Amino acid sequence: MQLTVYTMIVSGPVAAGLLLDAFPSKPYVPVAMLVGTALLGLLVATGISRVTAIAAGEKFRINAFQEFWHDFAEIRSSLALYRTVLAIAFFWFLGAVYLQNVIGYGRDLLHLSNAGISYLTASVSIGIGLGAFVAGKLSGDQVELGLVPIGSVGLGVFGVYLFLAHHSVVQVFIGHFFLGFCGGIFIIPLQAYLQAHAGEHSRGASLPLPTS
């Protein structure tokens, strides 16, 4: 599941770059195509089987800040959960920074076209997907938090590697792939731990949302 989610999140910018090169004088065409794809996804999502809602009687708060502090206080009550949520939020923050950095990195240092930058982003996507798959296989039927420090060290190592490898396109592609791979290794155990230990009534509220 996470392999699909992370791959699709990064596939959006990949598709955007390819479409921009395909329609250089008509930028509204890629926008219309991607919006259409999103609407199609919404339509398909209506076919998902309905299940019984958890904590259906939970009070809805119109005040978003009040809702945030309510959920945050519940997360803070468990040190392990609190650290897990912070680590997941850090992953998405780092991911957002890297995705934005790929554009400048590919254009200014490697002098790539929009399509080339898309391929560079795709290498990260493939890495994340495979990393998530491998993390799931290594974890088996349990939450394996021992993979988290391995993934975090890998993120740091390949971040530095990319700083030094910008003179070689091949090395840059390899570096982005392994950066994504380490990201998949890092995030999957954290997501699994959160799903396993968050309270039934607050599981969805305590899960940081992905950004792209």
Protein backbone atom coordinates (compact mmCIF):
# COMPACT_ATOMS: atom_id res chain seq x y z
CA MET A 1 0.00 0.00 0.00
CA GLN A 2 2.68 2.52 0.98
CA LEU A 3 4.73 1.57 -2.08
CA THR A 4 1.77 2.64 -4.25
CA VAL A 5 1.07 5.81 -2.25
CA TYR A 6 4.64 7.13 -2.27
CA THR A 7 5.17 6.19 -5.91
CA MET A 8 2.04 8.05 -7.00
CA ILE A 9 2.92 11.14 -4.92
CA VAL A 10 6.21 11.51 -6.76
CA SER A 11 4.73 10.45 -10.11
CA GLY A 12 2.75 13.73 -10.28
CA PRO A 13 5.84 15.95 -10.68
CA VAL A 14 7.31 13.36 -13.08
CA ALA A 15 4.25 13.52 -15.31
CA ALA A 16 4.17 17.32 -15.09
CA GLY A 17 7.74 17.65 -16.41
CA LEU A 18 7.12 15.27 -19.33
CA LEU A 19 3.87 17.03 -20.24
CA LEU A 20 5.50 20.47 -20.11
CA ASP A 21 8.03 19.36 -22.70
CA ALA A 22 5.26 17.79 -24.80
CA PHE A 23 3.17 20.99 -24.74
CA PRO A 24 5.72 23.83 -24.42
CA SER A 25 3.36 26.54 -25.71
CA LYS A 26 0.22 25.22 -24.06
CA PRO A 27 0.88 24.90 -20.30
CA TYR A 28 -2.85 24.68 -19.61
CA VAL A 29 -2.99 21.25 -21.31
CA PRO A 30 -0.85 19.46 -18.65
CA VAL A 31 -2.86 21.21 -15.92
CA ALA A 32 -6.15 20.05 -17.45
CA MET A 33 -4.86 16.50 -17.88
CA LEU A 34 -3.63 16.22 -14.30
CA VAL A 35 -6.82 17.75 -12.88
CA GLY A 36 -8.79 15.30 -15.00
CA THR A 37 -6.70 12.42 -13.63
CA ALA A 38 -7.38 13.61 -10.07
CA LEU A 39 -11.13 13.75 -10.75
CA LEU A 40 -10.99 10.26 -12.25
CA GLY A 41 -9.24 9.06 -9.09
CA LEU A 42 -11.99 10.64 -6.98
CA LEU A 43 -14.62 8.84 -9.05
CA VAL A 44 -12.85 5.49 -8.68
CA ALA A 45 -12.50 6.08 -4.92
CA THR A 46 -16.29 6.11 -4.57
CA GLY A 47 -16.17 2.38 -5.33
CA ILE A 48 -14.13 1.57 -2.22
CA SER A 49 -16.07 -0.73 0.11
CA ARG A 50 -17.66 1.08 3.04
CA VAL A 51 -16.68 -0.10 6.52
CA THR A 52 -17.98 0.72 9.97
CA ALA A 53 -16.70 4.09 11.14
CA ILE A 54 -14.45 4.10 14.21
CA ALA A 55 -15.43 6.57 16.92
CA ALA A 56 -18.43 7.71 14.90
CA GLY A 57 -19.68 9.68 17.90
CA GLU A 58 -16.49 11.75 18.22
CA LYS A 59 -17.28 15.44 18.49
CA PHE A 60 -16.44 17.57 15.44
CA ARG A 61 -14.72 20.85 16.26
CA ILE A 62 -15.10 23.70 13.77
CA ASN A 63 -12.11 25.47 15.32
CA ALA A 64 -9.13 23.88 13.52
CA PHE A 65 -6.61 25.15 16.11
CA GLN A 66 -8.64 23.67 18.95
CA GLU A 67 -8.83 20.37 17.10
CA PHE A 68 -5.08 20.40 16.51
CA TRP A 69 -4.22 21.07 20.15
CA HIS A 70 -6.69 18.40 21.28
CA ASP A 71 -5.05 15.77 19.05
CA PHE A 72 -1.55 17.01 19.82
CA ALA A 73 -2.16 16.73 23.57
CA GLU A 74 -3.24 13.13 23.10
CA ILE A 75 -0.10 12.38 21.11
CA ARG A 76 2.07 14.04 23.77
CA SER A 77 0.63 11.71 26.41
CA SER A 78 2.73 8.91 24.91
CA LEU A 79 6.42 9.70 24.46
CA ALA A 80 6.89 6.88 21.94
CA LEU A 81 3.94 8.03 19.83
CA TYR A 82 5.06 11.65 20.08
CA ARG A 83 8.53 10.82 18.77
CA THR A 84 7.06 8.64 16.03
CA VAL A 85 4.80 11.42 14.77
CA LEU A 86 7.67 13.93 14.85
CA ALA A 87 9.85 11.52 12.84
CA ILE A 88 7.11 11.01 10.24
CA ALA A 89 6.53 14.77 10.00
CA PHE A 90 10.30 15.26 9.56
CA PHE A 91 10.28 12.70 6.74
CA TRP A 92 7.58 14.61 4.85
CA PHE A 93 9.33 17.91 5.48
CA LEU A 94 12.58 16.48 4.15
CA GLY A 95 10.76 14.93 1.20
CA ALA A 96 9.16 18.26 0.27
CA VAL A 97 12.55 19.99 0.41
CA TYR A 98 14.21 17.31 -1.73
CA LEU A 99 11.43 17.35 -4.34
CA GLN A 100 11.79 21.12 -4.72
CA ASN A 101 15.57 20.79 -4.77
CA VAL A 102 15.47 18.26 -7.62
CA ILE A 103 14.18 20.97 -9.96
CA GLY A 104 17.02 23.40 -9.25
CA TYR A 105 19.59 20.61 -9.03
CA GLY A 106 18.64 19.17 -12.40
CA ARG A 107 18.26 22.52 -14.16
CA ASP A 108 21.16 24.55 -12.72
CA LEU A 109 23.81 21.89 -12.07
CA LEU A 110 23.03 19.18 -14.65
CA HIS A 111 21.36 21.44 -17.25
CA LEU A 112 18.57 18.92 -17.80
CA SER A 113 15.33 19.54 -19.68
CA ASN A 114 11.96 19.26 -17.98
CA ALA A 115 11.80 15.65 -19.13
CA GLY A 116 15.27 14.98 -17.71
CA ILE A 117 14.26 16.45 -14.35
CA SER A 118 11.18 14.22 -14.45
CA TYR A 119 13.38 11.15 -14.92
CA LEU A 120 15.50 12.31 -11.99
CA THR A 121 12.38 12.59 -9.84
CA ALA A 122 11.27 9.19 -11.09
CA SER A 123 14.49 7.64 -9.78
CA VAL A 124 13.58 8.91 -6.30
CA SER A 125 10.06 7.50 -6.70
CA ILE A 126 11.29 4.07 -7.74
CA GLY A 127 13.74 4.09 -4.82
CA ILE A 128 11.04 4.94 -2.28
CA GLY A 129 8.74 2.27 -3.64
CA LEU A 130 11.41 -0.44 -3.52
CA GLY A 131 12.61 0.73 -0.10
CA ALA A 132 9.06 0.50 1.25
CA PHE A 133 8.67 -2.98 -0.24
CA VAL A 134 11.98 -4.19 1.21
CA ALA A 135 11.15 -2.70 4.63
CA GLY A 136 7.84 -4.57 4.62
CA LYS A 137 9.56 -7.83 3.69
CA LEU A 138 12.28 -7.41 6.35
CA SER A 139 9.71 -6.54 9.02
CA GLY A 140 7.55 -9.59 8.38
CA ASP A 141 4.58 -9.70 10.75
CA GLN A 142 6.03 -7.29 13.30
CA VAL A 143 7.02 -3.64 13.59
CA GLU A 144 10.78 -3.51 13.03
CA LEU A 145 11.95 -0.14 14.38
CA GLY A 146 15.56 -1.23 13.98
CA LEU A 147 15.26 -0.27 10.31
CA VAL A 148 14.62 3.39 11.18
CA PRO A 149 18.21 4.33 12.15
CA ILE A 150 19.51 2.47 9.09
CA GLY A 151 17.23 4.51 6.85
CA SER A 152 18.09 7.77 8.60
CA VAL A 153 21.83 7.20 8.21
CA GLY A 154 21.28 6.38 4.55
CA LEU A 155 19.33 9.62 4.03
CA GLY A 156 22.23 11.60 5.47
CA VAL A 157 24.92 9.71 3.56
CA PHE A 158 23.23 10.03 0.17
CA GLY A 159 22.31 13.64 0.84
CA VAL A 160 26.02 14.39 1.19
CA TYR A 161 26.76 12.12 -1.78
CA LEU A 162 24.49 14.23 -4.00
CA PHE A 163 26.33 17.35 -2.92
CA LEU A 164 29.57 15.82 -4.23
CA ALA A 165 28.24 13.92 -7.28
CA HIS A 166 26.77 16.71 -9.38
CA HIS A 167 29.54 16.40 -12.01
CA SER A 168 28.19 13.02 -13.16
CA VAL A 169 24.62 12.49 -14.37
CA VAL A 170 24.85 8.73 -13.82
CA GLN A 171 26.08 9.15 -10.24
CA VAL A 172 23.34 11.68 -9.56
CA PHE A 173 20.64 9.27 -10.75
CA ILE A 174 22.13 6.51 -8.59
CA GLY A 175 22.29 8.87 -5.61
CA HIS A 176 18.65 9.92 -5.99
CA PHE A 177 17.57 6.30 -6.28
CA PHE A 178 19.33 5.29 -3.07
CA LEU A 179 18.13 8.43 -1.32
CA GLY A 180 14.56 7.35 -2.06
CA PHE A 181 15.34 3.75 -1.11
CA CYS A 182 16.61 4.82 2.32
CA GLY A 183 13.52 7.00 2.72
CA GLY A 184 11.30 3.96 2.18
CA ILE A 185 13.31 1.97 4.72
CA PHE A 186 12.99 4.87 7.19
CA ILE A 187 9.26 5.61 6.96
CA ILE A 188 7.56 2.20 6.78
CA PRO A 189 8.39 1.00 10.34
CA LEU A 190 7.28 4.38 11.72
CA GLN A 191 3.96 4.22 9.87
CA ALA A 192 3.45 0.65 11.04
CA TYR A 193 4.22 1.57 14.66
CA LEU A 194 1.78 4.47 14.57
CA GLN A 195 -0.97 2.29 13.13
CA ALA A 196 -0.31 -0.40 15.72
CA HIS A 197 -0.16 1.81 18.82
CA ALA A 198 -2.34 4.87 18.18
CA GLY A 199 -5.73 4.73 19.88
CA GLU A 200 -8.63 3.41 17.81
CA HIS A 201 -10.52 6.69 18.08
CA SER A 202 -7.57 8.92 17.18
CA ARG A 203 -5.59 6.87 14.66
CA GLY A 204 -6.52 8.97 11.63
CA ALA A 205 -6.07 12.25 13.50
CA SER A 206 -2.56 11.39 14.67
CA LEU A 207 -1.26 10.42 11.23
CA PRO A 208 0.73 13.23 9.54
CA LEU A 209 -0.57 13.86 6.04
CA PRO A 210 1.77 13.50 3.04
CA THR A 211 2.64 16.65 1.13
CA SER A 212 3.99 17.07 -2.35
